[in-house]
Amino acid sequence: MPANKYALIRYRTIDRCLRNEARPYPSKEELRSACEEALYGSEGDRISTSTLEKDLNAMRYDGALGYYAPIAYQRDKRGYFYDDENFSIDNLQLNDEELESIRFAAQTLVQFRNVPLFSQFDQAIGKIDDRLRMAPNLDTTQLDSIVQFENAAATRGSEHLQKLLHAIQGRRVMSISYRKFKSDEAESLSIQPYLLKEYRNRWYVIAWNSNRSDYRTYGLDRIEAIHEHDETFTMRSDFDADHFFKHSFGISKSNEAPQDVRARCNQLEYEYLSAQPAHPSQQLIRIDEDVYELHLHVMVTFELVHFLLGLGAAIEVTAPESLRRRMKEVHRTALNRYQ
């Protein structure tokens, strides 16, 4: 009998745990807890041990699933593992019904890629569309040998997304244990979460910190522990998610007003920037033959400086003067390291 969608989620969770090299030989209790977290988060229904045992048996012996998982038990480690280290249910071929469902879902997404509400997902939807066009049958066996897509490496902190989303929707105060990159110890903070934002494959939560009387941005990869309170909060009237990052370059915010940033570049860099604009405010103006000028109206933040430095000798910042001096000093320091 085909498994229901909850069972399929549990099977894939078990599969992921058994292939997790960072935590090998998960126990029955660890598998059960992982399945609970995948289905219900930190709250909600619980999964019985007998249900998990039935799942393990189904994965091993139920041919209707389309596989026989080589799940074994290591007595010395007191945990489960795959007897075939190359096995994964993700590597199995999909049946016609599953292929058609994926095609339909992908084509539906593509139809909405230009809708403003989904504009932040345009790049991800574009990748789905590209794969669908090149492999209509979703058979990437030969495709992977001639086309390499960019894959984002998994980052820490994504396990907090569900709890934070739940807290934002319910307007609930949260306590987090937060450790900055330059700190040896974590700090306990009480926050009011307002917005989740992804930047360069990392997730951040923008929250009101009542102790600082200011909005703060916290990287999820630096959150070591998280707890949702029963206490609720009222969203401040001065917060507008659509405009909060309007003049930001990246994830950082500044109390300073946005500035007109100008940098000269050659035609090659002009073509790159034309194909993939650096910011919605970007303008490119031709000054002379093979001389172009990049205009941005943004806050001068760490991410902006990092972006400009990444262009190296291809650009020269001309305004504002404070940014030009900053760029000159960073380049001078870098040059001294090579002397």
C-alpha atoms as a PDB file:
ATOM      1  CA  MET A   1       0.000   0.000   0.000  1.00  0.00           C
ATOM      2  CA  PRO A   2       1.480   3.403  -0.947  1.00  0.00           C
ATOM      3  CA  ALA A   3       2.710   5.429   2.017  1.00  0.00           C
ATOM      4  CA  ASN A   4       0.938   8.664   2.936  1.00  0.00           C
ATOM      5  CA  LYS A   5       2.726  11.997   2.746  1.00  0.00           C
ATOM      6  CA  TYR A   6       3.582  12.006   6.484  1.00  0.00           C
ATOM      7  CA  ALA A   7       5.234   8.605   6.194  1.00  0.00           C
ATOM      8  CA  LEU A   8       7.183   9.766   3.142  1.00  0.00           C
ATOM      9  CA  ILE A   9       8.463  12.768   5.096  1.00  0.00           C
ATOM     10  CA  ARG A  10       9.558  10.446   7.898  1.00  0.00           C
ATOM     11  CA  TYR A  11      11.316   8.135   5.407  1.00  0.00           C
ATOM     12  CA  ARG A  12      13.283  11.018   3.931  1.00  0.00           C
ATOM     13  CA  THR A  13      14.143  12.316   7.394  1.00  0.00           C
ATOM     14  CA  ILE A  14      15.436   8.886   8.399  1.00  0.00           C
ATOM     15  CA  ASP A  15      17.392   8.693   5.141  1.00  0.00           C
ATOM     16  CA  ARG A  16      18.974  12.094   5.816  1.00  0.00           C
ATOM     17  CA  CYS A  17      19.951  11.071   9.356  1.00  0.00           C
ATOM     18  CA  LEU A  18      21.523   7.818   8.196  1.00  0.00           C
ATOM     19  CA  ARG A  19      23.632   9.731   5.647  1.00  0.00           C
ATOM     20  CA  ASN A  20      24.717  12.468   8.062  1.00  0.00           C
ATOM     21  CA  GLU A  21      28.469  11.948   8.400  1.00  0.00           C
ATOM     22  CA  ALA A  22      28.657  14.553  11.163  1.00  0.00           C
ATOM     23  CA  ARG A  23      26.419  12.418  13.416  1.00  0.00           C
ATOM     24  CA  PRO A  24      26.835   8.759  12.396  1.00  0.00           C
ATOM     25  CA  TYR A  25      24.916   5.824  13.879  1.00  0.00           C
ATOM     26  CA  PRO A  26      21.790   7.682  15.094  1.00  0.00           C
ATOM     27  CA  SER A  27      19.842   5.880  17.792  1.00  0.00           C
ATOM     28  CA  LYS A  28      16.160   5.025  17.550  1.00  0.00           C
ATOM     29  CA  GLU A  29      15.362   7.932  19.851  1.00  0.00           C
ATOM     30  CA  GLU A  30      17.399  10.338  17.709  1.00  0.00           C
ATOM     31  CA  LEU A  31      15.595   9.183  14.579  1.00  0.00           C
ATOM     32  CA  ARG A  32      12.236   9.575  16.280  1.00  0.00           C
ATOM     33  CA  SER A  33      13.097  13.115  17.478  1.00  0.00           C
ATOM     34  CA  ALA A  34      14.306  14.103  14.003  1.00  0.00           C
ATOM     35  CA  CYS A  35      11.026  12.911  12.460  1.00  0.00           C
ATOM     36  CA  GLU A  36       9.034  14.857  15.063  1.00  0.00           C
ATOM     37  CA  GLU A  37      11.025  18.013  14.308  1.00  0.00           C
ATOM     38  CA  ALA A  38      10.528  17.572  10.544  1.00  0.00           C
ATOM     39  CA  LEU A  39       6.765  17.132  10.866  1.00  0.00           C
ATOM     40  CA  TYR A  40       5.734  19.243  13.829  1.00  0.00           C
ATOM     41  CA  GLY A  41       8.630  21.462  14.883  1.00  0.00           C
ATOM     42  CA  SER A  42       9.179  21.960  18.579  1.00  0.00           C
ATOM     43  CA  GLU A  43       5.471  21.736  19.379  1.00  0.00           C
ATOM     44  CA  GLY A  44       2.614  19.523  18.320  1.00  0.00           C
ATOM     45  CA  ASP A  45       1.997  15.793  18.028  1.00  0.00           C
ATOM     46  CA  ARG A  46       4.547  13.161  18.912  1.00  0.00           C
ATOM     47  CA  ILE A  47       5.660  10.061  17.060  1.00  0.00           C
ATOM     48  CA  SER A  48       5.613   6.775  18.916  1.00  0.00           C
ATOM     49  CA  THR A  49       8.509   4.345  18.950  1.00  0.00           C
ATOM     50  CA  SER A  50       6.306   1.706  17.341  1.00  0.00           C
ATOM     51  CA  THR A  51       5.604   4.068  14.418  1.00  0.00           C
ATOM     52  CA  LEU A  52       9.320   4.550  13.890  1.00  0.00           C
ATOM     53  CA  GLU A  53       9.915   0.789  14.010  1.00  0.00           C
ATOM     54  CA  LYS A  54       7.222   0.310  11.349  1.00  0.00           C
ATOM     55  CA  ASP A  55       8.912   2.985   9.233  1.00  0.00           C
ATOM     56  CA  LEU A  56      12.266   1.211   9.448  1.00  0.00           C
ATOM     57  CA  ASN A  57      10.660  -2.101   8.491  1.00  0.00           C
ATOM     58  CA  ALA A  58       8.776  -0.515   5.584  1.00  0.00           C
ATOM     59  CA  MET A  59      11.956   1.072   4.244  1.00  0.00           C
ATOM     60  CA  ARG A  60      13.716  -2.285   4.503  1.00  0.00           C
ATOM     61  CA  TYR A  61      11.076  -4.643   3.147  1.00  0.00           C
ATOM     62  CA  ASP A  62       8.160  -2.805   1.450  1.00  0.00           C
ATOM     63  CA  GLY A  63       8.757  -3.208  -2.283  1.00  0.00           C
ATOM     64  CA  ALA A  64       5.885  -0.822  -3.054  1.00  0.00           C
ATOM     65  CA  LEU A  65       8.187   2.032  -2.065  1.00  0.00           C
ATOM     66  CA  GLY A  66      10.409   1.214  -5.010  1.00  0.00           C
ATOM     67  CA  TYR A  67      13.457   0.314  -2.940  1.00  0.00           C
ATOM     68  CA  TYR A  68      14.779  -1.930  -0.176  1.00  0.00           C
ATOM     69  CA  ALA A  69      16.849   0.262   2.122  1.00  0.00           C
ATOM     70  CA  PRO A  70      19.938  -1.563   3.499  1.00  0.00           C
ATOM     71  CA  ILE A  71      19.352  -0.350   7.052  1.00  0.00           C
ATOM     72  CA  ALA A  72      21.450  -2.182   9.652  1.00  0.00           C
ATOM     73  CA  TYR A  73      22.056  -1.829  13.384  1.00  0.00           C
ATOM     74  CA  GLN A  74      25.537  -1.427  14.880  1.00  0.00           C
ATOM     75  CA  ARG A  75      25.478  -2.879  18.372  1.00  0.00           C
ATOM     76  CA  ASP A  76      28.770  -1.347  19.504  1.00  0.00           C
ATOM     77  CA  LYS A  77      27.656   2.130  18.409  1.00  0.00           C
ATOM     78  CA  ARG A  78      24.050   1.483  19.476  1.00  0.00           C
ATOM     79  CA  GLY A  79      22.751   3.101  16.332  1.00  0.00           C
ATOM     80  CA  TYR A  80      21.568   2.561  12.767  1.00  0.00           C
ATOM     81  CA  PHE A  81      23.444   2.930   9.473  1.00  0.00           C
ATOM     82  CA  TYR A  82      23.291   2.006   5.792  1.00  0.00           C
ATOM     83  CA  ASP A  83      25.099  -1.233   5.035  1.00  0.00           C
ATOM     84  CA  ASP A  84      25.697   0.245   1.571  1.00  0.00           C
ATOM     85  CA  GLU A  85      27.312   3.652   2.140  1.00  0.00           C
ATOM     86  CA  ASN A  86      26.337   4.834  -1.363  1.00  0.00           C
ATOM     87  CA  PHE A  87      22.623   4.180  -0.866  1.00  0.00           C
ATOM     88  CA  SER A  88      20.117   7.021  -0.635  1.00  0.00           C
ATOM     89  CA  ILE A  89      16.445   7.138  -1.487  1.00  0.00           C
ATOM     90  CA  ASP A  90      17.184  10.504  -3.166  1.00  0.00           C
ATOM     91  CA  ASN A  91      19.135   8.613  -5.844  1.00  0.00           C
ATOM     92  CA  LEU A  92      16.124   6.537  -6.893  1.00  0.00           C
ATOM     93  CA  GLN A  93      14.239   7.086 -10.138  1.00  0.00           C
ATOM     94  CA  LEU A  94      10.827   8.739  -9.891  1.00  0.00           C
ATOM     95  CA  ASN A  95       7.742   7.053 -11.290  1.00  0.00           C
ATOM     96  CA  ASP A  96       5.582   8.637 -14.010  1.00  0.00           C
ATOM     97  CA  GLU A  97       3.083  10.087 -11.523  1.00  0.00           C
ATOM     98  CA  GLU A  98       5.853  11.718  -9.458  1.00  0.00           C
ATOM     99  CA  LEU A  99       7.525  13.088 -12.592  1.00  0.00           C
ATOM    100  CA  GLU A 100       4.259  14.633 -13.777  1.00  0.00           C
ATOM    101  CA  SER A 101       3.650  16.198 -10.347  1.00  0.00           C
ATOM    102  CA  ILE A 102       7.098  17.782 -10.334  1.00  0.00           C
ATOM    103  CA  ARG A 103       6.698  19.077 -13.885  1.00  0.00           C
ATOM    104  CA  PHE A 104       3.336  20.614 -13.009  1.00  0.00           C
ATOM    105  CA  ALA A 105       4.708  22.241  -9.836  1.00  0.00           C
ATOM    106  CA  ALA A 106       7.751  23.607 -11.681  1.00  0.00           C
ATOM    107  CA  GLN A 107       5.694  25.013 -14.559  1.00  0.00           C
ATOM    108  CA  THR A 108       3.324  26.638 -12.070  1.00  0.00           C
ATOM    109  CA  LEU A 109       6.248  28.329 -10.314  1.00  0.00           C
ATOM    110  CA  VAL A 110       7.664  29.612 -13.591  1.00  0.00           C
ATOM    111  CA  GLN A 111       4.351  31.323 -14.394  1.00  0.00           C
ATOM    112  CA  PHE A 112       4.680  33.410 -11.220  1.00  0.00           C
ATOM    113  CA  ARG A 113       8.363  34.366 -11.492  1.00  0.00           C
ATOM    114  CA  ASN A 114       7.559  37.920 -12.664  1.00  0.00           C
ATOM    115  CA  VAL A 115       4.893  38.569 -10.033  1.00  0.00           C
ATOM    116  CA  PRO A 116       6.229  41.168  -7.548  1.00  0.00           C
ATOM    117  CA  LEU A 117       5.328  38.972  -4.585  1.00  0.00           C
ATOM    118  CA  PHE A 118       7.711  36.265  -5.884  1.00  0.00           C
ATOM    119  CA  SER A 119      10.435  38.581  -7.202  1.00  0.00           C
ATOM    120  CA  GLN A 120      12.832  37.591  -4.404  1.00  0.00           C
ATOM    121  CA  PHE A 121      12.641  33.980  -5.619  1.00  0.00           C
ATOM    122  CA  ASP A 122      13.237  34.823  -9.298  1.00  0.00           C
ATOM    123  CA  GLN A 123      16.759  33.356  -9.348  1.00  0.00           C
ATOM    124  CA  ALA A 124      15.681  30.082  -7.739  1.00  0.00           C
ATOM    125  CA  ILE A 125      12.660  29.757 -10.049  1.00  0.00           C
ATOM    126  CA  GLY A 126      14.923  30.508 -12.998  1.00  0.00           C
ATOM    127  CA  LYS A 127      17.171  27.585 -12.050  1.00  0.00           C
ATOM    128  CA  ILE A 128      14.155  25.272 -11.890  1.00  0.00           C
ATOM    129  CA  ASP A 129      13.054  26.507 -15.315  1.00  0.00           C
ATOM    130  CA  ASP A 130      16.536  25.961 -16.761  1.00  0.00           C
ATOM    131  CA  ARG A 131      16.694  22.376 -15.499  1.00  0.00           C
ATOM    132  CA  LEU A 132      13.206  21.631 -16.768  1.00  0.00           C
ATOM    133  CA  ARG A 133      14.059  22.923 -20.248  1.00  0.00           C
ATOM    134  CA  MET A 134      17.282  20.915 -20.468  1.00  0.00           C
ATOM    135  CA  ALA A 135      15.897  17.733 -18.889  1.00  0.00           C
ATOM    136  CA  PRO A 136      12.101  17.538 -19.449  1.00  0.00           C
ATOM    137  CA  ASN A 137      12.038  13.986 -18.105  1.00  0.00           C
ATOM    138  CA  LEU A 138      14.079  15.049 -15.056  1.00  0.00           C
ATOM    139  CA  ASP A 139      16.687  12.452 -15.941  1.00  0.00           C
ATOM    140  CA  THR A 140      19.922  14.301 -15.190  1.00  0.00           C
ATOM    141  CA  THR A 141      22.237  11.302 -15.546  1.00  0.00           C
ATOM    142  CA  GLN A 142      23.703  12.585 -18.810  1.00  0.00           C
ATOM    143  CA  LEU A 143      22.923  16.250 -18.157  1.00  0.00           C
ATOM    144  CA  ASP A 144      25.174  16.399 -15.083  1.00  0.00           C
ATOM    145  CA  SER A 145      28.159  15.311 -17.173  1.00  0.00           C
ATOM    146  CA  ILE A 146      27.833  18.250 -19.578  1.00  0.00           C
ATOM    147  CA  VAL A 147      26.122  20.969 -17.481  1.00  0.00           C
ATOM    148  CA  GLN A 148      27.190  22.058 -14.006  1.00  0.00           C
ATOM    149  CA  PHE A 149      24.729  24.134 -12.001  1.00  0.00           C
ATOM    150  CA  GLU A 150      25.896  26.218  -9.085  1.00  0.00           C
ATOM    151  CA  ASN A 151      25.038  24.552  -5.798  1.00  0.00           C
ATOM    152  CA  ALA A 152      24.833  26.525  -2.584  1.00  0.00           C
ATOM    153  CA  ALA A 153      26.615  24.867   0.303  1.00  0.00           C
ATOM    154  CA  ALA A 154      24.462  24.105   3.319  1.00  0.00           C
ATOM    155  CA  THR A 155      24.964  26.681   6.063  1.00  0.00           C
ATOM    156  CA  ARG A 156      24.380  26.616   9.775  1.00  0.00           C
ATOM    157  CA  GLY A 157      21.246  28.124  11.230  1.00  0.00           C
ATOM    158  CA  SER A 158      18.608  26.916   8.780  1.00  0.00           C
ATOM    159  CA  GLU A 159      17.217  24.699  11.542  1.00  0.00           C
ATOM    160  CA  HIS A 160      15.985  27.890  13.259  1.00  0.00           C
ATOM    161  CA  LEU A 161      13.893  29.076  10.297  1.00  0.00           C
ATOM    162  CA  GLN A 162      10.669  27.325  11.258  1.00  0.00           C
ATOM    163  CA  LYS A 163      10.690  28.566  14.861  1.00  0.00           C
ATOM    164  CA  LEU A 164      11.484  32.120  13.824  1.00  0.00           C
ATOM    165  CA  LEU A 165       8.799  32.126  11.146  1.00  0.00           C
ATOM    166  CA  HIS A 166       6.279  30.841  13.695  1.00  0.00           C
ATOM    167  CA  ALA A 167       7.307  33.587  16.147  1.00  0.00           C
ATOM    168  CA  ILE A 168       7.033  36.323  13.495  1.00  0.00           C
ATOM    169  CA  GLN A 169       3.580  35.145  12.464  1.00  0.00           C
ATOM    170  CA  GLY A 170       2.427  34.925  16.089  1.00  0.00           C
ATOM    171  CA  ARG A 171       4.191  38.134  17.189  1.00  0.00           C
ATOM    172  CA  ARG A 172       5.960  36.254  19.980  1.00  0.00           C
ATOM    173  CA  VAL A 173       8.998  37.393  21.927  1.00  0.00           C
ATOM    174  CA  MET A 174      12.037  35.119  21.614  1.00  0.00           C
ATOM    175  CA  SER A 175      15.172  34.492  23.618  1.00  0.00           C
ATOM    176  CA  ILE A 176      18.292  33.653  21.653  1.00  0.00           C
ATOM    177  CA  SER A 177      21.805  32.672  22.603  1.00  0.00           C
ATOM    178  CA  TYR A 178      23.888  34.634  20.122  1.00  0.00           C
ATOM    179  CA  ARG A 179      27.643  34.474  19.600  1.00  0.00           C
ATOM    180  CA  LYS A 180      29.365  36.998  17.373  1.00  0.00           C
ATOM    181  CA  PHE A 181      32.207  35.811  15.163  1.00  0.00           C
ATOM    182  CA  LYS A 182      34.782  37.716  17.208  1.00  0.00           C
ATOM    183  CA  SER A 183      33.427  36.615  20.583  1.00  0.00           C
ATOM    184  CA  ASP A 184      34.296  33.484  22.552  1.00  0.00           C
ATOM    185  CA  GLU A 185      31.062  33.472  24.537  1.00  0.00           C
ATOM    186  CA  ALA A 186      27.422  33.668  23.531  1.00  0.00           C
ATOM    187  CA  GLU A 187      25.174  36.507  24.675  1.00  0.00           C
ATOM    188  CA  SER A 188      21.610  35.965  25.864  1.00  0.00           C
ATOM    189  CA  LEU A 189      19.207  38.314  24.089  1.00  0.00           C
ATOM    190  CA  SER A 190      15.475  38.981  24.120  1.00  0.00           C
ATOM    191  CA  ILE A 191      14.191  39.989  20.689  1.00  0.00           C
ATOM    192  CA  GLN A 192      10.986  40.738  18.830  1.00  0.00           C
ATOM    193  CA  PRO A 193      11.441  39.128  15.387  1.00  0.00           C
ATOM    194  CA  TYR A 194      10.047  41.081  12.414  1.00  0.00           C
ATOM    195  CA  LEU A 195      11.549  39.767   9.202  1.00  0.00           C
ATOM    196  CA  LEU A 196      13.548  36.838   7.786  1.00  0.00           C
ATOM    197  CA  LYS A 197      15.925  37.765   4.956  1.00  0.00           C
ATOM    198  CA  GLU A 198      18.298  35.696   2.840  1.00  0.00           C
ATOM    199  CA  TYR A 199      21.517  37.207   1.535  1.00  0.00           C
ATOM    200  CA  ARG A 200      24.162  35.238  -0.369  1.00  0.00           C
ATOM    201  CA  ASN A 201      22.775  31.879   0.773  1.00  0.00           C
ATOM    202  CA  ARG A 202      22.729  32.887   4.451  1.00  0.00           C
ATOM    203  CA  TRP A 203      19.674  33.633   6.537  1.00  0.00           C
ATOM    204  CA  TYR A 204      19.206  36.594   8.880  1.00  0.00           C
ATOM    205  CA  VAL A 205      16.445  37.724  11.209  1.00  0.00           C
ATOM    206  CA  ILE A 206      15.706  41.422  11.632  1.00  0.00           C
ATOM    207  CA  ALA A 207      14.361  42.061  15.108  1.00  0.00           C
ATOM    208  CA  TRP A 208      13.599  44.863  17.520  1.00  0.00           C
ATOM    209  CA  ASN A 209      15.937  44.803  20.508  1.00  0.00           C
ATOM    210  CA  SER A 210      14.145  46.671  23.283  1.00  0.00           C
ATOM    211  CA  ASN A 211      17.326  46.893  25.404  1.00  0.00           C
ATOM    212  CA  ARG A 212      19.089  48.706  22.562  1.00  0.00           C
ATOM    213  CA  SER A 213      15.939  50.531  21.402  1.00  0.00           C
ATOM    214  CA  ASP A 214      16.863  49.713  17.835  1.00  0.00           C
ATOM    215  CA  TYR A 215      16.410  47.218  15.018  1.00  0.00           C
ATOM    216  CA  ARG A 216      19.188  44.641  14.870  1.00  0.00           C
ATOM    217  CA  THR A 217      20.164  42.016  12.307  1.00  0.00           C
ATOM    218  CA  TYR A 218      21.184  38.584  13.568  1.00  0.00           C
ATOM    219  CA  GLY A 219      22.756  35.860  11.449  1.00  0.00           C
ATOM    220  CA  LEU A 220      21.041  32.528  12.003  1.00  0.00           C
ATOM    221  CA  ASP A 221      24.393  30.756  11.743  1.00  0.00           C
ATOM    222  CA  ARG A 222      25.454  32.555  14.945  1.00  0.00           C
ATOM    223  CA  ILE A 223      22.368  31.583  16.954  1.00  0.00           C
ATOM    224  CA  GLU A 224      23.323  28.707  19.261  1.00  0.00           C
ATOM    225  CA  ALA A 225      19.969  28.289  21.003  1.00  0.00           C
ATOM    226  CA  ILE A 226      16.495  29.686  20.587  1.00  0.00           C
ATOM    227  CA  HIS A 227      13.344  29.754  22.720  1.00  0.00           C
ATOM    228  CA  GLU A 228       9.874  31.147  22.021  1.00  0.00           C
ATOM    229  CA  HIS A 229       7.978  32.830  24.879  1.00  0.00           C
ATOM    230  CA  ASP A 230       4.251  33.032  25.501  1.00  0.00           C
ATOM    231  CA  GLU A 231       4.638  36.823  25.659  1.00  0.00           C
ATOM    232  CA  THR A 232       3.480  38.629  22.520  1.00  0.00           C
ATOM    233  CA  PHE A 233       4.409  42.038  21.139  1.00  0.00           C
ATOM    234  CA  THR A 234       2.820  44.692  18.952  1.00  0.00           C
ATOM    235  CA  MET A 235       4.694  45.484  15.755  1.00  0.00           C
ATOM    236  CA  ARG A 236       6.067  49.003  15.670  1.00  0.00           C
ATOM    237  CA  SER A 237       4.429  51.390  13.226  1.00  0.00           C
ATOM    238  CA  ASP A 238       7.780  52.595  11.854  1.00  0.00           C
ATOM    239  CA  PHE A 239       8.700  49.197  10.400  1.00  0.00           C
ATOM    240  CA  ASP A 240       8.023  48.623   6.697  1.00  0.00           C
ATOM    241  CA  ALA A 241       9.500  45.426   5.303  1.00  0.00           C
ATOM    242  CA  ASP A 242       9.311  46.702   1.709  1.00  0.00           C
ATOM    243  CA  HIS A 243      11.404  49.787   2.437  1.00  0.00           C
ATOM    244  CA  PHE A 244      13.598  48.625   5.319  1.00  0.00           C
ATOM    245  CA  PHE A 245      16.451  47.580   2.995  1.00  0.00           C
ATOM    246  CA  LYS A 246      15.642  49.928   0.114  1.00  0.00           C
ATOM    247  CA  HIS A 247      18.945  51.805   0.369  1.00  0.00           C
ATOM    248  CA  SER A 248      20.988  48.961   1.844  1.00  0.00           C
ATOM    249  CA  PHE A 249      23.645  47.170  -0.089  1.00  0.00           C
ATOM    250  CA  GLY A 250      23.440  43.685   1.362  1.00  0.00           C
ATOM    251  CA  ILE A 251      22.186  42.906   4.831  1.00  0.00           C
ATOM    252  CA  SER A 252      23.691  45.761   6.860  1.00  0.00           C
ATOM    253  CA  LYS A 253      21.822  48.903   7.917  1.00  0.00           C
ATOM    254  CA  SER A 254      23.284  52.273   8.781  1.00  0.00           C
ATOM    255  CA  ASN A 255      21.891  55.229  10.677  1.00  0.00           C
ATOM    256  CA  GLU A 256      23.502  57.472   8.083  1.00  0.00           C
ATOM    257  CA  ALA A 257      21.588  58.687   5.049  1.00  0.00           C
ATOM    258  CA  PRO A 258      22.174  56.968   1.692  1.00  0.00           C
ATOM    259  CA  GLN A 259      24.850  58.552  -0.474  1.00  0.00           C
ATOM    260  CA  ASP A 260      25.501  58.905  -4.183  1.00  0.00           C
ATOM    261  CA  VAL A 261      28.319  56.454  -4.860  1.00  0.00           C
ATOM    262  CA  ARG A 262      30.223  56.766  -8.137  1.00  0.00           C
ATOM    263  CA  ALA A 263      32.923  54.554  -9.585  1.00  0.00           C
ATOM    264  CA  ARG A 264      34.560  54.535 -12.997  1.00  0.00           C
ATOM    265  CA  CYS A 265      35.026  51.283 -14.891  1.00  0.00           C
ATOM    266  CA  ASN A 266      36.004  49.954 -18.304  1.00  0.00           C
ATOM    267  CA  GLN A 267      33.715  48.444 -20.929  1.00  0.00           C
ATOM    268  CA  LEU A 268      34.258  44.855 -19.784  1.00  0.00           C
ATOM    269  CA  GLU A 269      33.099  45.662 -16.241  1.00  0.00           C
ATOM    270  CA  TYR A 270      30.271  47.729 -17.718  1.00  0.00           C
ATOM    271  CA  GLU A 271      29.021  44.651 -19.569  1.00  0.00           C
ATOM    272  CA  TYR A 272      29.149  42.526 -16.413  1.00  0.00           C
ATOM    273  CA  LEU A 273      27.269  45.133 -14.377  1.00  0.00           C
ATOM    274  CA  SER A 274      24.700  45.582 -17.136  1.00  0.00           C
ATOM    275  CA  ALA A 275      24.012  41.847 -17.217  1.00  0.00           C
ATOM    276  CA  GLN A 276      23.703  41.556 -13.458  1.00  0.00           C
ATOM    277  CA  PRO A 277      22.964  44.874 -11.713  1.00  0.00           C
ATOM    278  CA  ALA A 278      24.529  45.314  -8.299  1.00  0.00           C
ATOM    279  CA  HIS A 279      21.563  47.214  -6.787  1.00  0.00           C
ATOM    280  CA  PRO A 280      18.099  48.461  -7.881  1.00  0.00           C
ATOM    281  CA  SER A 281      19.397  52.055  -7.845  1.00  0.00           C
ATOM    282  CA  GLN A 282      22.218  51.224 -10.270  1.00  0.00           C
ATOM    283  CA  GLN A 283      22.821  53.467 -13.279  1.00  0.00           C
ATOM    284  CA  LEU A 284      25.605  53.093 -15.833  1.00  0.00           C
ATOM    285  CA  ILE A 285      26.706  56.168 -17.776  1.00  0.00           C
ATOM    286  CA  ARG A 286      29.212  56.372 -20.622  1.00  0.00           C
ATOM    287  CA  ILE A 287      31.801  59.084 -19.947  1.00  0.00           C
ATOM    288  CA  ASP A 288      34.250  58.515 -22.808  1.00  0.00           C
ATOM    289  CA  GLU A 289      35.478  55.738 -25.080  1.00  0.00           C
ATOM    290  CA  ASP A 290      35.947  52.657 -22.883  1.00  0.00           C
ATOM    291  CA  VAL A 291      35.190  54.760 -19.781  1.00  0.00           C
ATOM    292  CA  TYR A 292      31.931  54.259 -17.921  1.00  0.00           C
ATOM    293  CA  GLU A 293      30.638  55.366 -14.551  1.00  0.00           C
ATOM    294  CA  LEU A 294      28.657  53.311 -12.069  1.00  0.00           C
ATOM    295  CA  HIS A 295      26.112  55.249 -10.005  1.00  0.00           C
ATOM    296  CA  LEU A 296      24.532  53.843  -6.836  1.00  0.00           C
ATOM    297  CA  HIS A 297      22.324  55.531  -4.234  1.00  0.00           C
ATOM    298  CA  VAL A 298      23.008  53.426  -1.163  1.00  0.00           C
ATOM    299  CA  MET A 299      24.227  53.411   2.413  1.00  0.00           C
ATOM    300  CA  VAL A 300      27.976  52.960   2.706  1.00  0.00           C
ATOM    301  CA  THR A 301      28.174  49.619   4.490  1.00  0.00           C
ATOM    302  CA  PHE A 302      30.642  46.767   4.875  1.00  0.00           C
ATOM    303  CA  GLU A 303      28.933  44.825   2.072  1.00  0.00           C
ATOM    304  CA  LEU A 304      29.270  47.762  -0.333  1.00  0.00           C
ATOM    305  CA  VAL A 305      32.988  48.108   0.385  1.00  0.00           C
ATOM    306  CA  HIS A 306      33.417  44.329   0.043  1.00  0.00           C
ATOM    307  CA  PHE A 307      31.646  44.394  -3.339  1.00  0.00           C
ATOM    308  CA  LEU A 308      33.763  47.270  -4.654  1.00  0.00           C
ATOM    309  CA  LEU A 309      36.967  45.616  -3.460  1.00  0.00           C
ATOM    310  CA  GLY A 310      35.917  42.472  -5.288  1.00  0.00           C
ATOM    311  CA  LEU A 311      36.044  44.404  -8.571  1.00  0.00           C
ATOM    312  CA  GLY A 312      39.727  45.092  -7.912  1.00  0.00           C
ATOM    313  CA  ALA A 313      41.585  47.250 -10.409  1.00  0.00           C
ATOM    314  CA  ALA A 314      38.617  47.256 -12.800  1.00  0.00           C
ATOM    315  CA  ILE A 315      37.043  50.216 -10.989  1.00  0.00           C
ATOM    316  CA  GLU A 316      38.023  53.502  -9.361  1.00  0.00           C
ATOM    317  CA  VAL A 317      35.736  55.029  -6.735  1.00  0.00           C
ATOM    318  CA  THR A 318      35.361  58.760  -7.384  1.00  0.00           C
ATOM    319  CA  ALA A 319      32.666  59.712  -4.836  1.00  0.00           C
ATOM    320  CA  PRO A 320      32.009  60.234  -2.030  1.00  0.00           C
ATOM    321  CA  GLU A 321      35.480  61.310  -0.983  1.00  0.00           C
ATOM    322  CA  SER A 322      35.247  59.451   2.351  1.00  0.00           C
ATOM    323  CA  LEU A 323      34.622  56.158   0.528  1.00  0.00           C
ATOM    324  CA  ARG A 324      37.425  56.894  -1.927  1.00  0.00           C
ATOM    325  CA  ARG A 325      39.858  57.383   0.999  1.00  0.00           C
ATOM    326  CA  ARG A 326      38.609  54.191   2.625  1.00  0.00           C
ATOM    327  CA  MET A 327      39.150  52.201  -0.555  1.00  0.00           C
ATOM    328  CA  LYS A 328      42.617  53.687  -0.981  1.00  0.00           C
ATOM    329  CA  GLU A 329      43.579  52.725   2.585  1.00  0.00           C
ATOM    330  CA  VAL A 330      42.331  49.152   2.209  1.00  0.00           C
ATOM    331  CA  HIS A 331      44.222  48.729  -1.082  1.00  0.00           C
ATOM    332  CA  ARG A 332      47.363  50.210   0.490  1.00  0.00           C
ATOM    333  CA  THR A 333      47.129  47.772   3.417  1.00  0.00           C
ATOM    334  CA  ALA A 334      46.635  44.861   1.028  1.00  0.00           C
ATOM    335  CA  LEU A 335      49.632  45.925  -1.063  1.00  0.00           C
ATOM    336  CA  ASN A 336      51.835  46.122   2.050  1.00  0.00           C
ATOM    337  CA  ARG A 337      51.037  42.469   2.794  1.00  0.00           C
ATOM    338  CA  TYR A 338      52.679  41.468  -0.497  1.00  0.00           C
ATOM    339  CA  GLN A 339      55.818  43.528  -0.032  1.00  0.00           C
END
